Amino acid sequence: MNLGKLSKCLIVAVLGHCPLISACGRAALSPQHQQEAIRSDSSVKQLTANGDASAAIGDMTRAEQYYVSALKAGGNERALVQRLLVVCASDQRYPVAANYAEQYLHRHPMDIELKFAAGSIHAAIGEPHRARELFESVVRDRPEWPEAHYALASLIRAQSEPLALADQHDLEYLKLSPHGPLAETARARLSRRATP
């Protein structure tokens, strides 16, 4: 599996299990502000629904436009950025997805799932240094996440660096997820290295 295809799979897998819409709590507002908030919520919900419908029929560019409009209307930033990354990655517009991810991470540097997705995107567009920086940060912040170890091992192997560190991350993946969907590949990579 090439790194771009792997990155797309990882982006969709990571963001696919994240809640796409979360309730947005509102502080006490004046009646006028409450009406504006209701109109805004209605607009955001409609724009998001339109984006979802566009994505469902494969019109990723239109879906992106709706999601950006929903963001501008005050929608849930994390949920909408997740959707933006998925539609851009599905449409193989990785540089656009990277831009959305980096803008979001600038404001929310501790969002581990989005950091992992951003690392996958940077790997897909041939920016291994930024991808590695992000993956290493994810592994530091959430060492129990097997896919982060696998992604870092894959990136290290793709960079043709000394493979001992890649082996270490493949072993960590196998320790955390011995029967996971990537276990067979991790084992194969390790066994190829072990045979003379």
Protein backbone atom coordinates (compact mmCIF):
# COMPACT_ATOMS: atom_id res chain seq x y z
CA MET A 1 0.00 0.00 0.00
CA ASN A 2 1.53 3.35 -0.96
CA LEU A 3 1.84 6.16 1.60
CA GLY A 4 -0.82 8.36 -0.05
CA LYS A 5 -3.40 5.58 -0.06
CA LEU A 6 -2.50 4.64 3.52
CA SER A 7 -2.81 8.28 4.57
CA LYS A 8 -6.28 8.57 3.03
CA CYS A 9 -7.37 5.40 4.81
CA LEU A 10 -6.00 6.64 8.12
CA ILE A 11 -7.65 10.06 7.77
CA VAL A 12 -11.05 8.55 7.03
CA ALA A 13 -10.65 5.91 9.75
CA VAL A 14 -9.65 8.40 12.43
CA LEU A 15 -12.22 10.98 11.57
CA GLY A 16 -14.90 8.46 10.73
CA HIS A 17 -15.19 7.39 14.36
CA CYS A 18 -15.22 10.91 15.76
CA PRO A 19 -18.60 12.46 16.54
CA LEU A 20 -19.39 14.72 13.62
CA ILE A 21 -21.80 17.01 15.39
CA SER A 22 -21.70 17.92 19.04
CA ALA A 23 -24.17 20.09 20.84
CA CYS A 24 -23.10 23.65 21.25
CA GLY A 25 -24.00 25.07 24.65
CA ARG A 26 -25.20 28.66 24.78
CA ALA A 27 -24.87 31.07 27.67
CA ALA A 28 -27.88 33.08 28.79
CA LEU A 29 -28.76 35.50 25.99
CA SER A 30 -31.09 38.41 25.63
CA PRO A 31 -34.34 37.68 23.70
CA GLN A 32 -32.96 39.43 20.60
CA HIS A 33 -29.70 37.47 20.79
CA GLN A 34 -31.67 34.26 21.39
CA GLN A 35 -33.60 34.80 18.14
CA GLU A 36 -30.34 35.50 16.29
CA ALA A 37 -28.81 32.38 17.82
CA ILE A 38 -31.80 30.27 16.73
CA ARG A 39 -31.56 31.65 13.18
CA SER A 40 -27.82 31.01 13.19
CA ASP A 41 -28.28 27.46 14.54
CA SER A 42 -30.93 26.82 11.91
CA SER A 43 -28.66 28.17 9.20
CA VAL A 44 -25.70 26.12 10.46
CA LYS A 45 -27.82 22.96 10.65
CA GLN A 46 -29.15 23.50 7.13
CA LEU A 47 -25.72 24.28 5.69
CA THR A 48 -24.25 21.22 7.41
CA ALA A 49 -27.10 19.03 6.19
CA ASN A 50 -26.59 20.36 2.66
CA GLY A 51 -22.88 19.57 2.95
CA ASP A 52 -23.64 16.05 4.17
CA ALA A 53 -26.08 15.52 1.31
CA SER A 54 -23.54 16.76 -1.24
CA ALA A 55 -20.85 14.49 0.20
CA ALA A 56 -23.24 11.53 0.12
CA ILE A 57 -23.72 11.91 -3.64
CA GLY A 58 -20.00 12.45 -4.23
CA ASP A 59 -20.01 16.20 -4.84
CA MET A 60 -17.08 16.92 -2.53
CA THR A 61 -16.44 20.44 -3.81
CA ARG A 62 -20.01 21.50 -3.08
CA ALA A 63 -19.85 19.74 0.32
CA GLU A 64 -16.70 21.72 1.12
CA GLN A 65 -18.46 24.98 0.22
CA TYR A 66 -21.39 24.18 2.51
CA TYR A 67 -19.13 23.21 5.40
CA VAL A 68 -17.07 26.40 5.04
CA SER A 69 -20.30 28.41 5.02
CA ALA A 70 -21.46 26.58 8.15
CA LEU A 71 -18.15 27.46 9.82
CA LYS A 72 -18.59 31.11 8.91
CA ALA A 73 -22.14 30.98 10.30
CA GLY A 74 -20.76 29.90 13.68
CA GLY A 75 -20.99 26.12 13.43
CA ASN A 76 -19.04 23.65 15.56
CA GLU A 77 -15.49 24.17 14.32
CA ARG A 78 -14.13 20.74 15.20
CA ALA A 79 -17.03 18.84 13.66
CA LEU A 80 -16.94 20.92 10.49
CA VAL A 81 -13.16 20.71 10.11
CA GLN A 82 -13.44 16.93 10.47
CA ARG A 83 -15.95 16.90 7.64
CA LEU A 84 -13.75 19.19 5.55
CA LEU A 85 -10.77 16.88 5.96
CA VAL A 86 -12.81 13.85 4.99
CA VAL A 87 -14.29 15.42 1.85
CA CYS A 88 -10.98 16.91 0.74
CA ALA A 89 -9.12 13.62 1.35
CA SER A 90 -11.86 11.67 -0.44
CA ASP A 91 -11.46 14.02 -3.38
CA GLN A 92 -7.64 13.68 -3.19
CA ARG A 93 -7.24 17.39 -2.53
CA TYR A 94 -4.67 16.86 0.18
CA PRO A 95 -3.03 20.32 0.08
CA VAL A 96 -6.44 21.92 0.75
CA ALA A 97 -7.07 19.45 3.58
CA ALA A 98 -3.62 20.20 5.01
CA ASN A 99 -4.44 23.89 5.02
CA TYR A 100 -7.70 23.32 6.92
CA ALA A 101 -5.93 21.05 9.40
CA GLU A 102 -3.08 23.47 10.02
CA GLN A 103 -5.44 26.41 10.53
CA TYR A 104 -7.41 24.37 13.04
CA LEU A 105 -4.30 23.10 14.86
CA HIS A 106 -2.99 26.64 15.14
CA ARG A 107 -6.05 27.41 17.28
CA HIS A 108 -6.36 23.97 18.92
CA PRO A 109 -2.85 22.46 19.20
CA MET A 110 -3.91 19.76 21.68
CA ASP A 111 -6.50 18.06 19.46
CA ILE A 112 -4.82 14.67 19.07
CA GLU A 113 -7.23 13.18 16.49
CA LEU A 114 -6.91 16.18 14.19
CA LYS A 115 -3.14 16.20 14.71
CA PHE A 116 -3.02 12.57 13.58
CA ALA A 117 -5.18 13.34 10.56
CA ALA A 118 -2.95 16.30 9.71
CA GLY A 119 0.13 14.06 9.91
CA SER A 120 -1.53 11.61 7.52
CA ILE A 121 -2.36 14.42 5.12
CA HIS A 122 1.18 15.81 5.19
CA ALA A 123 2.53 12.32 4.49
CA ALA A 124 0.17 12.06 1.51
CA ILE A 125 1.38 15.32 -0.01
CA GLY A 126 5.07 14.51 0.38
CA GLU A 127 5.84 16.57 3.47
CA PRO A 128 7.45 13.86 5.61
CA HIS A 129 9.15 16.21 8.07
CA ARG A 130 5.89 17.86 9.12
CA ALA A 131 4.12 14.49 9.10
CA ARG A 132 6.77 12.99 11.35
CA GLU A 133 6.63 15.94 13.72
CA LEU A 134 2.87 15.49 14.06
CA PHE A 135 2.99 11.69 14.42
CA GLU A 136 5.74 11.91 17.05
CA SER A 137 3.65 14.43 18.96
CA VAL A 138 0.63 12.11 18.82
CA VAL A 139 2.70 9.15 20.04
CA ARG A 140 4.05 11.27 22.92
CA ASP A 141 0.60 12.53 23.88
CA ARG A 142 -1.26 9.25 23.39
CA PRO A 143 1.23 6.35 23.47
CA GLU A 144 -1.59 3.81 23.74
CA TRP A 145 -2.89 4.61 20.24
CA PRO A 146 -1.74 1.73 18.00
CA GLU A 147 -2.45 3.41 14.65
CA ALA A 148 -0.18 6.32 15.57
CA HIS A 149 2.71 3.90 16.08
CA TYR A 150 1.93 2.16 12.79
CA ALA A 151 1.76 5.46 10.89
CA LEU A 152 5.05 6.63 12.36
CA ALA A 153 6.70 3.29 11.49
CA SER A 154 5.37 3.55 7.93
CA LEU A 155 6.69 7.08 7.55
CA ILE A 156 10.13 6.17 8.91
CA ARG A 157 10.32 3.23 6.50
CA ALA A 158 9.26 5.44 3.57
CA GLN A 159 12.05 7.88 4.43
CA SER A 160 14.63 5.07 4.21
CA GLU A 161 15.99 5.94 7.63
CA PRO A 162 17.61 3.44 9.97
CA LEU A 163 14.85 0.93 10.53
CA ALA A 164 15.39 0.17 14.23
CA LEU A 165 13.00 2.98 15.22
CA ALA A 166 10.42 1.85 12.66
CA ASP A 167 10.69 -1.68 14.06
CA GLN A 168 10.15 -0.32 17.56
CA HIS A 169 6.90 1.37 16.48
CA ASP A 170 5.70 -1.71 14.60
CA LEU A 171 6.37 -3.78 17.73
CA GLU A 172 4.47 -1.24 19.82
CA TYR A 173 1.55 -1.44 17.37
CA LEU A 174 1.54 -5.24 17.71
CA LYS A 175 1.73 -5.02 21.51
CA LEU A 176 -1.26 -2.65 21.60
CA SER A 177 -3.29 -4.28 18.83
CA PRO A 178 -2.03 -7.82 18.17
CA HIS A 179 -5.08 -8.69 16.06
CA GLY A 180 -5.68 -5.23 14.61
CA PRO A 181 -6.31 -4.54 10.93
CA LEU A 182 -2.66 -3.60 10.33
CA ALA A 183 -1.09 -6.38 12.42
CA GLU A 184 -0.35 -8.66 9.48
CA THR A 185 1.53 -5.91 7.64
CA ALA A 186 3.45 -4.91 10.77
CA ARG A 187 4.48 -8.54 11.34
CA ALA A 188 5.51 -8.94 7.70
CA ARG A 189 7.68 -5.83 7.87
CA LEU A 190 9.37 -7.11 11.01
CA SER A 191 9.91 -10.61 9.62
CA ARG A 192 11.47 -9.24 6.41
CA ARG A 193 13.95 -7.36 8.56
CA ALA A 194 14.72 -10.45 10.68
CA THR A 195 15.55 -12.72 7.71
CA PRO A 196 19.10 -12.36 6.30
